PDB file of all heavy atoms in Angstrom:
ATOM      1  N   PHE A   1     -44.837  21.409 -14.766  1.00  0.00           N
ATOM      2  CA  PHE A   1     -44.686  22.542 -15.682  1.00  0.00           C
ATOM      3  C   PHE A   1     -43.684  22.261 -16.793  1.00  0.00           C
ATOM      4  O   PHE A   1     -43.927  22.561 -17.958  1.00  0.00           O
ATOM      5  CB  PHE A   1     -44.235  23.790 -14.896  1.00  0.00           C
ATOM      6  CG  PHE A   1     -45.231  24.258 -13.882  1.00  0.00           C
ATOM      7  CD1 PHE A   1     -45.072  23.933 -12.540  1.00  0.00           C
ATOM      8  CD2 PHE A   1     -46.330  25.017 -14.259  1.00  0.00           C
ATOM      9  CE1 PHE A   1     -45.981  24.362 -11.595  1.00  0.00           C
ATOM     10  CE2 PHE A   1     -47.246  25.455 -13.318  1.00  0.00           C
ATOM     11  CZ  PHE A   1     -47.087  25.128 -11.982  1.00  0.00           C
ATOM     12  N   ASP A   2     -42.535  21.694 -16.415  1.00  0.00           N
ATOM     13  CA  ASP A   2     -41.492  21.455 -17.419  1.00  0.00           C
ATOM     14  C   ASP A   2     -40.493  20.421 -16.893  1.00  0.00           C
ATOM     15  O   ASP A   2     -40.639  19.897 -15.794  1.00  0.00           O
ATOM     16  CB  ASP A   2     -40.777  22.759 -17.774  1.00  0.00           C
ATOM     17  CG  ASP A   2     -40.245  23.486 -16.544  1.00  0.00           C
ATOM     18  OD1 ASP A   2     -40.183  22.841 -15.476  1.00  0.00           O
ATOM     19  OD2 ASP A   2     -39.906  24.669 -16.639  1.00  0.00           O
ATOM     20  N   THR A   3     -39.476  20.159 -17.694  1.00  0.00           N
ATOM     21  CA  THR A   3     -38.407  19.228 -17.328  1.00  0.00           C
ATOM     22  C   THR A   3     -37.075  19.941 -17.432  1.00  0.00           C
ATOM     23  O   THR A   3     -36.701  20.432 -18.509  1.00  0.00           O
ATOM     24  CB  THR A   3     -38.412  17.988 -18.235  1.00  0.00           C
ATOM     25  OG1 THR A   3     -39.652  17.281 -18.079  1.00  0.00           O
ATOM     26  CG2 THR A   3     -37.260  17.055 -17.887  1.00  0.00           C
ATOM     27  N   LEU A   4     -36.362  20.028 -16.308  1.00  0.00           N
ATOM     28  CA  LEU A   4     -35.044  20.652 -16.289  1.00  0.00           C
ATOM     29  C   LEU A   4     -33.980  19.571 -16.490  1.00  0.00           C
ATOM     30  O   LEU A   4     -34.055  18.501 -15.889  1.00  0.00           O
ATOM     31  CB  LEU A   4     -34.816  21.372 -14.961  1.00  0.00           C
ATOM     32  CG  LEU A   4     -35.916  22.353 -14.542  1.00  0.00           C
ATOM     33  CD1 LEU A   4     -35.573  22.969 -13.188  1.00  0.00           C
ATOM     34  CD2 LEU A   4     -36.100  23.441 -15.588  1.00  0.00           C
ATOM     35  N   LYS A   5     -32.987  19.870 -17.339  1.00  0.00           N
ATOM     36  CA  LYS A   5     -31.995  18.862 -17.694  1.00  0.00           C
ATOM     37  C   LYS A   5     -30.587  19.310 -17.314  1.00  0.00           C
ATOM     38  O   LYS A   5     -30.258  20.492 -17.384  1.00  0.00           O
ATOM     39  CB  LYS A   5     -32.054  18.575 -19.198  1.00  0.00           C
ATOM     40  CG  LYS A   5     -33.378  17.982 -19.661  1.00  0.00           C
ATOM     41  CD  LYS A   5     -33.362  17.691 -21.147  1.00  0.00           C
ATOM     42  CE  LYS A   5     -34.683  17.089 -21.616  1.00  0.00           C
ATOM     43  NZ  LYS A   5     -34.677  16.791 -23.070  1.00  0.00           N
ATOM     44  N   LEU A   6     -29.785  18.332 -16.897  1.00  0.00           N
ATOM     45  CA  LEU A   6     -28.389  18.566 -16.546  1.00  0.00           C
ATOM     46  C   LEU A   6     -27.579  17.386 -17.057  1.00  0.00           C
ATOM     47  O   LEU A   6     -27.868  16.230 -16.733  1.00  0.00           O
ATOM     48  CB  LEU A   6     -28.232  18.691 -15.025  1.00  0.00           C
ATOM     49  CG  LEU A   6     -26.820  18.905 -14.485  1.00  0.00           C
ATOM     50  CD1 LEU A   6     -26.267  20.247 -14.952  1.00  0.00           C
ATOM     51  CD2 LEU A   6     -26.822  18.844 -12.964  1.00  0.00           C
ATOM     52  N   ASP A   7     -26.560  17.670 -17.856  1.00  0.00           N
ATOM     53  CA  ASP A   7     -25.720  16.609 -18.427  1.00  0.00           C
ATOM     54  C   ASP A   7     -24.419  16.483 -17.642  1.00  0.00           C
ATOM     55  O   ASP A   7     -23.623  17.435 -17.573  1.00  0.00           O
ATOM     56  CB  ASP A   7     -25.418  16.903 -19.895  1.00  0.00           C
ATOM     57  CG  ASP A   7     -26.650  16.796 -20.771  1.00  0.00           C
ATOM     58  OD1 ASP A   7     -27.497  15.926 -20.493  1.00  0.00           O
ATOM     59  OD2 ASP A   7     -26.778  17.591 -21.725  1.00  0.00           O
ATOM     60  N   LEU A   8     -24.215  15.317 -17.040  1.00  0.00           N
ATOM     61  CA  LEU A   8     -23.001  15.034 -16.274  1.00  0.00           C
ATOM     62  C   LEU A   8     -22.110  14.081 -17.056  1.00  0.00           C
ATOM     63  O   LEU A   8     -22.572  13.347 -17.941  1.00  0.00           O
ATOM     64  CB  LEU A   8     -23.346  14.412 -14.926  1.00  0.00           C
ATOM     65  CG  LEU A   8     -24.339  15.161 -14.040  1.00  0.00           C
ATOM     66  CD1 LEU A   8     -24.585  14.366 -12.764  1.00  0.00           C
ATOM     67  CD2 LEU A   8     -23.841  16.553 -13.720  1.00  0.00           C
ATOM     68  N   GLU A   9     -20.829  14.073 -16.689  1.00  0.00           N
ATOM     69  CA  GLU A   9     -19.893  13.116 -17.254  1.00  0.00           C
ATOM     70  C   GLU A   9     -19.135  12.420 -16.119  1.00  0.00           C
ATOM     71  O   GLU A   9     -18.688  13.078 -15.171  1.00  0.00           O
ATOM     72  CB  GLU A   9     -18.876  13.800 -18.168  1.00  0.00           C
ATOM     73  CG  GLU A   9     -19.426  14.144 -19.543  1.00  0.00           C
ATOM     74  CD  GLU A   9     -18.338  14.662 -20.462  1.00  0.00           C
ATOM     75  OE1 GLU A   9     -17.208  14.887 -19.985  1.00  0.00           O
ATOM     76  OE2 GLU A   9     -18.629  14.816 -21.657  1.00  0.00           O
ATOM     77  N   ALA A  10     -19.018  11.109 -16.233  1.00  0.00           N
ATOM     78  CA  ALA A  10     -18.229  10.319 -15.286  1.00  0.00           C
ATOM     79  C   ALA A  10     -17.075   9.681 -16.048  1.00  0.00           C
ATOM     80  O   ALA A  10     -17.297   8.864 -16.948  1.00  0.00           O
ATOM     81  CB  ALA A  10     -19.089   9.249 -14.618  1.00  0.00           C
ATOM     82  N   VAL A  11     -15.876  10.065 -15.699  1.00  0.00           N
ATOM     83  CA  VAL A  11     -14.686   9.519 -16.360  1.00  0.00           C
ATOM     84  C   VAL A  11     -14.123   8.409 -15.479  1.00  0.00           C
ATOM     85  O   VAL A  11     -13.574   8.661 -14.407  1.00  0.00           O
ATOM     86  CB  VAL A  11     -13.630  10.606 -16.601  1.00  0.00           C
ATOM     87  CG1 VAL A  11     -12.416  10.018 -17.330  1.00  0.00           C
ATOM     88  CG2 VAL A  11     -14.219  11.758 -17.406  1.00  0.00           C
ATOM     89  N   VAL A  12     -14.281   7.193 -15.918  1.00  0.00           N
ATOM     90  CA  VAL A  12     -13.814   6.024 -15.156  1.00  0.00           C
ATOM     91  C   VAL A  12     -12.355   5.757 -15.515  1.00  0.00           C
ATOM     92  O   VAL A  12     -12.021   5.517 -16.671  1.00  0.00           O
ATOM     93  CB  VAL A  12     -14.681   4.790 -15.458  1.00  0.00           C
ATOM     94  CG1 VAL A  12     -14.150   3.575 -14.706  1.00  0.00           C
ATOM     95  CG2 VAL A  12     -16.129   5.060 -15.080  1.00  0.00           C
ATOM     96  N   ARG A  13     -11.488   5.826 -14.517  1.00  0.00           N
ATOM     97  CA  ARG A  13     -10.056   5.640 -14.753  1.00  0.00           C
ATOM     98  C   ARG A  13      -9.610   4.187 -14.597  1.00  0.00           C
ATOM     99  O   ARG A  13      -8.552   3.798 -15.067  1.00  0.00           O
ATOM    100  CB  ARG A  13      -9.259   6.509 -13.772  1.00  0.00           C
ATOM    101  CG  ARG A  13      -9.395   7.991 -14.030  1.00  0.00           C
ATOM    102  CD  ARG A  13      -8.347   8.775 -13.268  1.00  0.00           C
ATOM    103  NE  ARG A  13      -8.654   8.893 -11.850  1.00  0.00           N
ATOM    104  CZ  ARG A  13      -7.915   8.385 -10.886  1.00  0.00           C
ATOM    105  NH1 ARG A  13      -6.846   7.682 -11.171  1.00  0.00           N
ATOM    106  NH2 ARG A  13      -8.240   8.546  -9.617  1.00  0.00           N
ATOM    107  N   GLY A  14     -10.390   3.374 -13.912  1.00  0.00           N
ATOM    108  CA  GLY A  14      -9.993   1.998 -13.636  1.00  0.00           C
ATOM    109  C   GLY A  14     -10.348   1.653 -12.205  1.00  0.00           C
ATOM    110  O   GLY A  14     -11.274   2.231 -11.630  1.00  0.00           O
ATOM    111  N   SER A  15      -9.592   0.726 -11.598  1.00  0.00           N
ATOM    112  CA  SER A  15      -9.923   0.294 -10.231  1.00  0.00           C
ATOM    113  C   SER A  15      -8.657   0.082  -9.415  1.00  0.00           C
ATOM    114  O   SER A  15      -7.602  -0.287  -9.932  1.00  0.00           O
ATOM    115  CB  SER A  15     -10.729  -1.008 -10.268  1.00  0.00           C
ATOM    116  OG  SER A  15      -9.962  -2.052 -10.850  1.00  0.00           O
ATOM    117  N   TYR A  16      -8.789   0.335  -8.100  1.00  0.00           N
ATOM    118  CA  TYR A  16      -7.746   0.004  -7.139  1.00  0.00           C
ATOM    119  C   TYR A  16      -8.146  -1.274  -6.411  1.00  0.00           C
ATOM    120  O   TYR A  16      -9.277  -1.387  -5.932  1.00  0.00           O
ATOM    121  CB  TYR A  16      -7.585   1.110  -6.100  1.00  0.00           C
ATOM    122  CG  TYR A  16      -6.996   2.399  -6.634  1.00  0.00           C
ATOM    123  CD1 TYR A  16      -7.786   3.541  -6.747  1.00  0.00           C
ATOM    124  CD2 TYR A  16      -5.663   2.482  -7.009  1.00  0.00           C
ATOM    125  CE1 TYR A  16      -7.256   4.738  -7.214  1.00  0.00           C
ATOM    126  CE2 TYR A  16      -5.118   3.664  -7.480  1.00  0.00           C
ATOM    127  CZ  TYR A  16      -5.921   4.789  -7.583  1.00  0.00           C
ATOM    128  OH  TYR A  16      -5.391   5.956  -8.047  1.00  0.00           O
ATOM    129  N   ALA A  17      -7.240  -2.233  -6.318  1.00  0.00           N
ATOM    130  CA  ALA A  17      -7.514  -3.468  -5.578  1.00  0.00           C
ATOM    131  C   ALA A  17      -6.193  -4.117  -5.187  1.00  0.00           C
ATOM    132  O   ALA A  17      -5.260  -4.184  -5.996  1.00  0.00           O
ATOM    133  CB  ALA A  17      -8.355  -4.438  -6.407  1.00  0.00           C
ATOM    134  N   VAL A  18      -6.103  -4.583  -3.949  1.00  0.00           N
ATOM    135  CA  VAL A  18      -4.893  -5.231  -3.459  1.00  0.00           C
ATOM    136  C   VAL A  18      -5.282  -6.504  -2.719  1.00  0.00           C
ATOM    137  O   VAL A  18      -6.342  -6.573  -2.079  1.00  0.00           O
ATOM    138  CB  VAL A  18      -4.090  -4.284  -2.548  1.00  0.00           C
ATOM    139  CG1 VAL A  18      -4.893  -3.883  -1.322  1.00  0.00           C
ATOM    140  CG2 VAL A  18      -2.761  -4.901  -2.135  1.00  0.00           C
ATOM    141  N   GLU A  19      -4.441  -7.511  -2.809  1.00  0.00           N
ATOM    142  CA  GLU A  19      -4.693  -8.796  -2.151  1.00  0.00           C
ATOM    143  C   GLU A  19      -3.439  -9.228  -1.410  1.00  0.00           C
ATOM    144  O   GLU A  19      -2.322  -9.133  -1.935  1.00  0.00           O
ATOM    145  CB  GLU A  19      -5.086  -9.851  -3.171  1.00  0.00           C
ATOM    146  CG  GLU A  19      -5.360 -11.224  -2.551  1.00  0.00           C
ATOM    147  CD  GLU A  19      -5.654 -12.297  -3.585  1.00  0.00           C
ATOM    148  OE1 GLU A  19      -5.539 -12.003  -4.792  1.00  0.00           O
ATOM    149  OE2 GLU A  19      -5.976 -13.436  -3.193  1.00  0.00           O
ATOM    150  N   LEU A  20      -3.626  -9.713  -0.172  1.00  0.00           N
ATOM    151  CA  LEU A  20      -2.529 -10.244   0.634  1.00  0.00           C
ATOM    152  C   LEU A  20      -2.802 -11.710   0.915  1.00  0.00           C
ATOM    153  O   LEU A  20      -3.851 -12.063   1.463  1.00  0.00           O
ATOM    154  CB  LEU A  20      -2.410  -9.471   1.943  1.00  0.00           C
ATOM    155  CG  LEU A  20      -1.286  -9.900   2.899  1.00  0.00           C
ATOM    156  CD1 LEU A  20       0.078  -9.656   2.256  1.00  0.00           C
ATOM    157  CD2 LEU A  20      -1.385  -9.159   4.219  1.00  0.00           C
ATOM    158  N   THR A  21      -1.870 -12.572   0.543  1.00  0.00           N
ATOM    159  CA  THR A  21      -2.066 -14.003   0.729  1.00  0.00           C
ATOM    160  C   THR A  21      -0.697 -14.672   0.861  1.00  0.00           C
ATOM    161  O   THR A  21       0.322 -14.006   1.015  1.00  0.00           O
ATOM    162  CB  THR A  21      -2.863 -14.594  -0.453  1.00  0.00           C
ATOM    163  OG1 THR A  21      -3.146 -15.975  -0.203  1.00  0.00           O
ATOM    164  CG2 THR A  21      -2.127 -14.448  -1.755  1.00  0.00           C
ATOM    165  N   THR A  22      -0.690 -15.999   0.823  1.00  0.00           N
ATOM    166  CA  THR A  22       0.553 -16.768   0.818  1.00  0.00           C
ATOM    167  C   THR A  22       0.737 -17.394  -0.559  1.00  0.00           C
ATOM    168  O   THR A  22      -0.224 -17.493  -1.324  1.00  0.00           O
ATOM    169  CB  THR A  22       0.520 -17.870   1.894  1.00  0.00           C
ATOM    170  OG1 THR A  22      -0.547 -18.792   1.582  1.00  0.00           O
ATOM    171  CG2 THR A  22       0.288 -17.282   3.277  1.00  0.00           C
ATOM    172  N   PRO A  23       1.945 -17.832  -0.906  1.00  0.00           N
ATOM    173  CA  PRO A  23       2.163 -18.420  -2.237  1.00  0.00           C
ATOM    174  C   PRO A  23       1.264 -19.618  -2.527  1.00  0.00           C
ATOM    175  O   PRO A  23       0.868 -19.847  -3.667  1.00  0.00           O
ATOM    176  CB  PRO A  23       3.641 -18.833  -2.196  1.00  0.00           C
ATOM    177  CG  PRO A  23       4.259 -17.912  -1.193  1.00  0.00           C
ATOM    178  CD  PRO A  23       3.207 -17.692  -0.153  1.00  0.00           C
ATOM    179  N   THR A  24       0.933 -20.401  -1.500  1.00  0.00           N
ATOM    180  CA  THR A  24       0.104 -21.590  -1.691  1.00  0.00           C
ATOM    181  C   THR A  24      -1.363 -21.346  -1.346  1.00  0.00           C
ATOM    182  O   THR A  24      -2.207 -22.198  -1.607  1.00  0.00           O
ATOM    183  CB  THR A  24       0.625 -22.748  -0.827  1.00  0.00           C
ATOM    184  OG1 THR A  24       0.530 -22.384   0.558  1.00  0.00           O
ATOM    185  CG2 THR A  24       2.067 -23.075  -1.178  1.00  0.00           C
ATOM    186  N   GLY A  25      -1.646 -20.208  -0.720  1.00  0.00           N
ATOM    187  CA  GLY A  25      -3.005 -19.944  -0.262  1.00  0.00           C
ATOM    188  C   GLY A  25      -3.288 -20.505   1.115  1.00  0.00           C
ATOM    189  O   GLY A  25      -4.362 -20.269   1.683  1.00  0.00           O
ATOM    190  N   ARG A  26      -2.329 -21.239   1.678  1.00  0.00           N
ATOM    191  CA  ARG A  26      -2.505 -21.813   3.007  1.00  0.00           C
ATOM    192  C   ARG A  26      -2.324 -20.737   4.073  1.00  0.00           C
ATOM    193  O   ARG A  26      -1.347 -19.985   4.044  1.00  0.00           O
ATOM    194  CB  ARG A  26      -1.497 -22.934   3.238  1.00  0.00           C
ATOM    195  CG  ARG A  26      -1.624 -23.617   4.591  1.00  0.00           C
ATOM    196  CD  ARG A  26      -0.519 -24.634   4.777  1.00  0.00           C
ATOM    197  NE  ARG A  26      -0.553 -25.230   6.121  1.00  0.00           N
ATOM    198  CZ  ARG A  26       0.401 -26.024   6.600  1.00  0.00           C
ATOM    199  NH1 ARG A  26       1.453 -26.331   5.848  1.00  0.00           N
ATOM    200  NH2 ARG A  26       0.295 -26.516   7.807  1.00  0.00           N
ATOM    201  N   LEU A  27      -3.251 -20.675   5.025  1.00  0.00           N
ATOM    202  CA  LEU A  27      -3.222 -19.649   6.062  1.00  0.00           C
ATOM    203  C   LEU A  27      -3.127 -20.257   7.456  1.00  0.00           C
ATOM    204  O   LEU A  27      -3.806 -19.842   8.391  1.00  0.00           O
ATOM    205  CB  LEU A  27      -4.465 -18.757   5.947  1.00  0.00           C
ATOM    206  CG  LEU A  27      -4.584 -17.954   4.647  1.00  0.00           C
ATOM    207  CD1 LEU A  27      -5.905 -17.221   4.587  1.00  0.00           C
ATOM    208  CD2 LEU A  27      -3.419 -16.972   4.499  1.00  0.00           C
TER     209      LEU A  27
END
C-alpha cells in the first residue's frame, strides 16, 4: 500500500580499547 519512513541518527563518539602486554611482548 505504501512506504512508512523513520529517520534515525547514530552519533559515534569513538572507541574503547585496552591492551595488556609486556614492554618486549615476551609472555
